C-alpha atoms as a PDB file:
ATOM      1  CA  UNK A   1       0.071  -0.052  -0.001  1.00  0.00           C
ATOM      2  CA  UNK A   2       1.341   3.197  -0.911  1.00  0.00           C
ATOM      3  CA  UNK A   3       2.440   5.559   1.901  1.00  0.00           C
ATOM      4  CA  UNK A   4       2.245   9.286   1.540  1.00  0.00           C
ATOM      5  CA  UNK A   5       5.434  10.974   2.316  1.00  0.00           C
ATOM      6  CA  UNK A   6       5.263  13.930   4.903  1.00  0.00           C
ATOM      7  CA  UNK A   7       8.403  16.203   5.247  1.00  0.00           C
ATOM      8  CA  UNK A   8       9.704  16.612   9.007  1.00  0.00           C
ATOM      9  CA  UNK A   9       8.809  19.884  10.179  1.00  0.00           C
ATOM     10  CA  UNK A  10       9.865  21.576  13.866  1.00  0.00           C
ATOM     11  CA  UNK A  11       7.328  21.214  16.565  1.00  0.00           C
ATOM     12  CA  UNK A  12       8.173  25.220  17.193  1.00  0.00           C
ATOM     13  CA  UNK A  13       5.782  27.600  15.871  1.00  0.00           C
ATOM     14  CA  UNK A  14       6.975  30.207  13.395  1.00  0.00           C
ATOM     15  CA  UNK A  15       4.722  33.119  14.593  1.00  0.00           C
ATOM     16  CA  UNK A  16       5.764  32.498  17.892  1.00  0.00           C
ATOM     17  CA  UNK A  17       9.107  32.461  16.987  1.00  0.00           C
ATOM     18  CA  UNK A  18       8.505  35.859  14.936  1.00  0.00           C
ATOM     19  CA  UNK A  19       6.667  37.642  17.801  1.00  0.00           C
ATOM     20  CA  UNK A  20       9.679  36.480  20.291  1.00  0.00           C
ATOM     21  CA  UNK A  21      11.680  38.457  17.612  1.00  0.00           C
ATOM     22  CA  UNK A  22       9.665  41.369  17.304  1.00  0.00           C
ATOM     23  CA  UNK A  23       9.892  42.046  20.833  1.00  0.00           C
ATOM     24  CA  UNK A  24      12.697  40.508  21.955  1.00  0.00           C
ATOM     25  CA  UNK A  25      15.198  39.779  18.934  1.00  0.00           C
ATOM     26  CA  UNK A  26      18.305  42.108  20.245  1.00  0.00           C
ATOM     27  CA  UNK A  27      18.843  39.676  23.310  1.00  0.00           C
ATOM     28  CA  UNK A  28      18.061  36.516  21.222  1.00  0.00           C
ATOM     29  CA  UNK A  29      15.120  34.789  22.708  1.00  0.00           C
ATOM     30  CA  UNK A  30      13.802  33.495  19.698  1.00  0.00           C
ATOM     31  CA  UNK A  31      16.997  31.969  18.737  1.00  0.00           C
ATOM     32  CA  UNK A  32      16.905  30.093  22.477  1.00  0.00           C
ATOM     33  CA  UNK A  33      13.375  29.297  21.591  1.00  0.00           C
ATOM     34  CA  UNK A  34      13.988  27.294  18.245  1.00  0.00           C
ATOM     35  CA  UNK A  35      16.961  25.697  19.843  1.00  0.00           C
ATOM     36  CA  UNK A  36      19.931  27.985  18.239  1.00  0.00           C
ATOM     37  CA  UNK A  37      21.718  28.656  21.739  1.00  0.00           C
ATOM     38  CA  UNK A  38      24.878  29.378  20.372  1.00  0.00           C
ATOM     39  CA  UNK A  39      23.827  32.272  18.163  1.00  0.00           C
ATOM     40  CA  UNK A  40      21.199  33.194  21.285  1.00  0.00           C
ATOM     41  CA  UNK A  41      24.117  34.006  23.297  1.00  0.00           C
ATOM     42  CA  UNK A  42      25.808  35.640  20.850  1.00  0.00           C
ATOM     43  CA  UNK A  43      22.802  38.022  20.346  1.00  0.00           C
ATOM     44  CA  UNK A  44      22.714  38.194  24.045  1.00  0.00           C
ATOM     45  CA  UNK A  45      25.652  39.388  24.236  1.00  0.00           C
ATOM     46  CA  UNK A  46      26.037  41.805  21.323  1.00  0.00           C
ATOM     47  CA  UNK A  47      22.441  43.178  21.514  1.00  0.00           C
ATOM     48  CA  UNK A  48      21.387  41.214  18.387  1.00  0.00           C
ATOM     49  CA  UNK A  49      24.154  42.363  16.099  1.00  0.00           C
ATOM     50  CA  UNK A  50      21.566  45.454  15.160  1.00  0.00           C
ATOM     51  CA  UNK A  51      20.928  43.919  11.838  1.00  0.00           C
ATOM     52  CA  UNK A  52      20.995  40.062  12.522  1.00  0.00           C
ATOM     53  CA  UNK A  53      17.921  40.113  14.384  1.00  0.00           C
ATOM     54  CA  UNK A  54      16.251  42.614  11.950  1.00  0.00           C
ATOM     55  CA  UNK A  55      17.438  39.924   9.261  1.00  0.00           C
ATOM     56  CA  UNK A  56      15.809  37.245  11.184  1.00  0.00           C
ATOM     57  CA  UNK A  57      12.307  39.186  10.994  1.00  0.00           C
ATOM     58  CA  UNK A  58      12.636  38.763   7.537  1.00  0.00           C
ATOM     59  CA  UNK A  59      13.442  35.201   7.750  1.00  0.00           C
ATOM     60  CA  UNK A  60      10.569  34.557   9.682  1.00  0.00           C
ATOM     61  CA  UNK A  61       7.861  36.545   7.977  1.00  0.00           C
ATOM     62  CA  UNK A  62       9.034  34.796   4.654  1.00  0.00           C
ATOM     63  CA  UNK A  63       9.456  31.416   5.982  1.00  0.00           C
ATOM     64  CA  UNK A  64      13.495  30.931   5.613  1.00  0.00           C
ATOM     65  CA  UNK A  65      14.223  30.806   9.163  1.00  0.00           C
ATOM     66  CA  UNK A  66      14.936  27.123  10.372  1.00  0.00           C
ATOM     67  CA  UNK A  67      15.329  25.403  13.989  1.00  0.00           C
ATOM     68  CA  UNK A  68      18.702  24.457  15.540  1.00  0.00           C
ATOM     69  CA  UNK A  69      18.115  20.570  13.938  1.00  0.00           C
ATOM     70  CA  UNK A  70      17.559  22.673  10.201  1.00  0.00           C
ATOM     71  CA  UNK A  71      13.846  21.849   9.915  1.00  0.00           C
ATOM     72  CA  UNK A  72      11.493  24.604   8.737  1.00  0.00           C
ATOM     73  CA  UNK A  73       9.254  25.904  11.411  1.00  0.00           C
ATOM     74  CA  UNK A  74       5.332  25.504  11.511  1.00  0.00           C
ATOM     75  CA  UNK A  75       2.859  27.866  11.047  1.00  0.00           C
END
């Protein structure tokens, strides 16, 4: 019998990550949420690298952002 293929996705919400990035982006909370602890710490100690969290906002908005395991975030 034929089994449909479902691409794996992250259990993390893209919109929750977007809201976290919008309000707490410079401290990297959205990166901790998706499992990117290393860059979360980098954002925490450098203020989001200013341009970095703005780029993350666009990546989350357009669906390009991935979680720590490289999986796309769910809606």
